[in-house]
Amino acid sequence: MMLYFVLLFLPFVISARTRMVLPTYETFSTRNVNRDSHKVLTVEGKECKFPFRHGGSIHHHCITISFSRSWCSLTHNFDRDFLWGYCAPGNTQPIGERSFL
């Protein structure tokens, strides 16, 4: 009976231990990165949403696909919503955005 009880609660113990963080380490959160980055705006002053889906691909900055000028989606899913705007000059990529190749 005791073995059954231990095995029943074993996943909770393992799960709790994997989430422990020692006090000397900082916890990294993507929300903190996004909070510190500046917003990319369109020429109309609307906020671009990154990342956004276009043509089945995910984009993390303003693009020139389908247009000669740099543009972005105003929602996270351009394929569904078709809301977009031209990016303001010199402001096409959020701060802290990195390419991982």
C-alpha atoms as a PDB file:
ATOM      1  CA  MET A   1       0.000   0.000   0.000  1.00  0.00           C
ATOM      2  CA  MET A   2       2.840   2.399   0.828  1.00  0.00           C
ATOM      3  CA  LEU A   3       4.511   1.706  -2.530  1.00  0.00           C
ATOM      4  CA  TYR A   4       1.260   2.551  -4.328  1.00  0.00           C
ATOM      5  CA  PHE A   5       1.032   5.854  -2.419  1.00  0.00           C
ATOM      6  CA  VAL A   6       4.633   6.786  -3.280  1.00  0.00           C
ATOM      7  CA  LEU A   7       4.196   5.949  -6.964  1.00  0.00           C
ATOM      8  CA  LEU A   8       0.938   7.884  -7.085  1.00  0.00           C
ATOM      9  CA  PHE A   9       2.566  11.123  -5.891  1.00  0.00           C
ATOM     10  CA  LEU A  10       5.981  10.632  -7.533  1.00  0.00           C
ATOM     11  CA  PRO A  11       5.164  12.788 -10.608  1.00  0.00           C
ATOM     12  CA  PHE A  12       4.246  15.705  -8.326  1.00  0.00           C
ATOM     13  CA  VAL A  13       7.516  15.419  -6.423  1.00  0.00           C
ATOM     14  CA  ILE A  14       9.574  15.296  -9.628  1.00  0.00           C
ATOM     15  CA  SER A  15       7.617  18.170 -11.106  1.00  0.00           C
ATOM     16  CA  ALA A  16       8.110  20.302  -8.001  1.00  0.00           C
ATOM     17  CA  ARG A  17      11.838  19.624  -7.933  1.00  0.00           C
ATOM     18  CA  THR A  18      12.350  20.536 -11.589  1.00  0.00           C
ATOM     19  CA  ARG A  19      10.821  23.965 -10.964  1.00  0.00           C
ATOM     20  CA  MET A  20      13.077  24.837  -8.033  1.00  0.00           C
ATOM     21  CA  VAL A  21      15.393  27.805  -8.592  1.00  0.00           C
ATOM     22  CA  LEU A  22      18.305  28.529  -6.305  1.00  0.00           C
ATOM     23  CA  PRO A  23      18.257  32.053  -4.828  1.00  0.00           C
ATOM     24  CA  THR A  24      21.632  32.922  -6.389  1.00  0.00           C
ATOM     25  CA  TYR A  25      20.313  32.539  -9.949  1.00  0.00           C
ATOM     26  CA  GLU A  26      18.114  34.967 -11.859  1.00  0.00           C
ATOM     27  CA  THR A  27      15.080  33.580 -13.596  1.00  0.00           C
ATOM     28  CA  PHE A  28      14.846  34.486 -17.284  1.00  0.00           C
ATOM     29  CA  SER A  29      11.443  35.280 -18.660  1.00  0.00           C
ATOM     30  CA  THR A  30      10.552  36.249 -22.232  1.00  0.00           C
ATOM     31  CA  ARG A  31       8.000  38.649 -20.783  1.00  0.00           C
ATOM     32  CA  ASN A  32      10.830  40.684 -19.245  1.00  0.00           C
ATOM     33  CA  VAL A  33      12.569  40.921 -22.620  1.00  0.00           C
ATOM     34  CA  ASN A  34       9.406  42.107 -24.344  1.00  0.00           C
ATOM     35  CA  ARG A  35       8.713  44.669 -21.631  1.00  0.00           C
ATOM     36  CA  ASP A  36      12.154  46.242 -22.105  1.00  0.00           C
ATOM     37  CA  SER A  37      12.007  46.380 -25.904  1.00  0.00           C
ATOM     38  CA  HIS A  38      10.575  49.311 -27.814  1.00  0.00           C
ATOM     39  CA  LYS A  39       7.474  49.023 -29.937  1.00  0.00           C
ATOM     40  CA  VAL A  40       7.696  49.093 -33.711  1.00  0.00           C
ATOM     41  CA  LEU A  41       5.098  51.465 -35.105  1.00  0.00           C
ATOM     42  CA  THR A  42       3.536  51.952 -38.511  1.00  0.00           C
ATOM     43  CA  VAL A  43       3.551  55.302 -40.309  1.00  0.00           C
ATOM     44  CA  GLU A  44       0.002  55.742 -38.940  1.00  0.00           C
ATOM     45  CA  GLY A  45       1.265  55.207 -35.372  1.00  0.00           C
ATOM     46  CA  LYS A  46      -0.267  51.742 -34.889  1.00  0.00           C
ATOM     47  CA  GLU A  47       1.739  49.049 -33.105  1.00  0.00           C
ATOM     48  CA  CYS A  48       3.187  46.151 -35.109  1.00  0.00           C
ATOM     49  CA  LYS A  49       2.716  42.718 -33.532  1.00  0.00           C
ATOM     50  CA  PHE A  50       5.730  40.411 -33.443  1.00  0.00           C
ATOM     51  CA  PRO A  51       6.051  37.630 -34.157  1.00  0.00           C
ATOM     52  CA  PHE A  52       3.378  37.425 -36.838  1.00  0.00           C
ATOM     53  CA  ARG A  53       2.351  34.731 -39.303  1.00  0.00           C
ATOM     54  CA  HIS A  54       2.363  35.512 -43.032  1.00  0.00           C
ATOM     55  CA  GLY A  55       2.124  32.870 -45.741  1.00  0.00           C
ATOM     56  CA  GLY A  56       2.673  30.121 -43.194  1.00  0.00           C
ATOM     57  CA  SER A  57       5.994  31.645 -42.039  1.00  0.00           C
ATOM     58  CA  ILE A  58       6.704  33.418 -38.764  1.00  0.00           C
ATOM     59  CA  HIS A  59       8.302  36.892 -38.951  1.00  0.00           C
ATOM     60  CA  HIS A  60       9.988  38.793 -36.116  1.00  0.00           C
ATOM     61  CA  HIS A  61      10.533  42.122 -37.889  1.00  0.00           C
ATOM     62  CA  CYS A  62       9.090  44.248 -40.686  1.00  0.00           C
ATOM     63  CA  ILE A  63       9.238  42.555 -44.093  1.00  0.00           C
ATOM     64  CA  THR A  64       9.132  43.575 -47.770  1.00  0.00           C
ATOM     65  CA  ILE A  65       7.400  40.436 -49.055  1.00  0.00           C
ATOM     66  CA  SER A  66       4.548  41.345 -51.465  1.00  0.00           C
ATOM     67  CA  PHE A  67       5.316  45.101 -51.189  1.00  0.00           C
ATOM     68  CA  SER A  68       8.254  47.332 -52.103  1.00  0.00           C
ATOM     69  CA  ARG A  69       8.031  49.104 -48.725  1.00  0.00           C
ATOM     70  CA  SER A  70       8.651  47.549 -45.340  1.00  0.00           C
ATOM     71  CA  TRP A  71       5.422  46.454 -43.613  1.00  0.00           C
ATOM     72  CA  CYS A  72       4.180  44.504 -40.599  1.00  0.00           C
ATOM     73  CA  SER A  73       1.024  42.858 -39.349  1.00  0.00           C
ATOM     74  CA  LEU A  74      -1.169  44.596 -36.785  1.00  0.00           C
ATOM     75  CA  THR A  75      -2.163  41.192 -35.348  1.00  0.00           C
ATOM     76  CA  HIS A  76      -0.152  38.044 -34.654  1.00  0.00           C
ATOM     77  CA  ASN A  77      -1.883  36.218 -37.530  1.00  0.00           C
ATOM     78  CA  PHE A  78      -1.885  38.177 -40.798  1.00  0.00           C
ATOM     79  CA  ASP A  79      -3.044  35.064 -42.706  1.00  0.00           C
ATOM     80  CA  ARG A  80      -6.309  35.158 -40.766  1.00  0.00           C
ATOM     81  CA  ASP A  81      -6.868  38.873 -40.086  1.00  0.00           C
ATOM     82  CA  PHE A  82      -5.252  40.686 -43.069  1.00  0.00           C
ATOM     83  CA  LEU A  83      -4.513  43.778 -40.938  1.00  0.00           C
ATOM     84  CA  TRP A  84      -1.239  45.500 -41.767  1.00  0.00           C
ATOM     85  CA  GLY A  85       0.593  48.821 -42.053  1.00  0.00           C
ATOM     86  CA  TYR A  86       3.789  50.271 -43.483  1.00  0.00           C
ATOM     87  CA  CYS A  87       6.573  50.374 -40.892  1.00  0.00           C
ATOM     88  CA  ALA A  88       7.845  53.779 -39.822  1.00  0.00           C
ATOM     89  CA  PRO A  89      11.317  54.457 -41.322  1.00  0.00           C
ATOM     90  CA  GLY A  90      14.263  53.412 -39.144  1.00  0.00           C
ATOM     91  CA  ASN A  91      12.034  51.449 -36.776  1.00  0.00           C
ATOM     92  CA  THR A  92      11.628  47.980 -38.276  1.00  0.00           C
ATOM     93  CA  GLN A  93      12.927  45.596 -35.609  1.00  0.00           C
ATOM     94  CA  PRO A  94      12.238  45.394 -31.861  1.00  0.00           C
ATOM     95  CA  ILE A  95      15.209  45.911 -29.513  1.00  0.00           C
ATOM     96  CA  GLY A  96      16.442  42.633 -28.104  1.00  0.00           C
ATOM     97  CA  GLU A  97      15.274  40.654 -31.134  1.00  0.00           C
ATOM     98  CA  ARG A  98      18.017  38.262 -32.173  1.00  0.00           C
ATOM     99  CA  SER A  99      18.452  35.857 -35.029  1.00  0.00           C
ATOM    100  CA  PHE A 100      19.408  32.368 -33.911  1.00  0.00           C
ATOM    101  CA  LEU A 101      21.018  30.540 -36.825  1.00  0.00           C
END
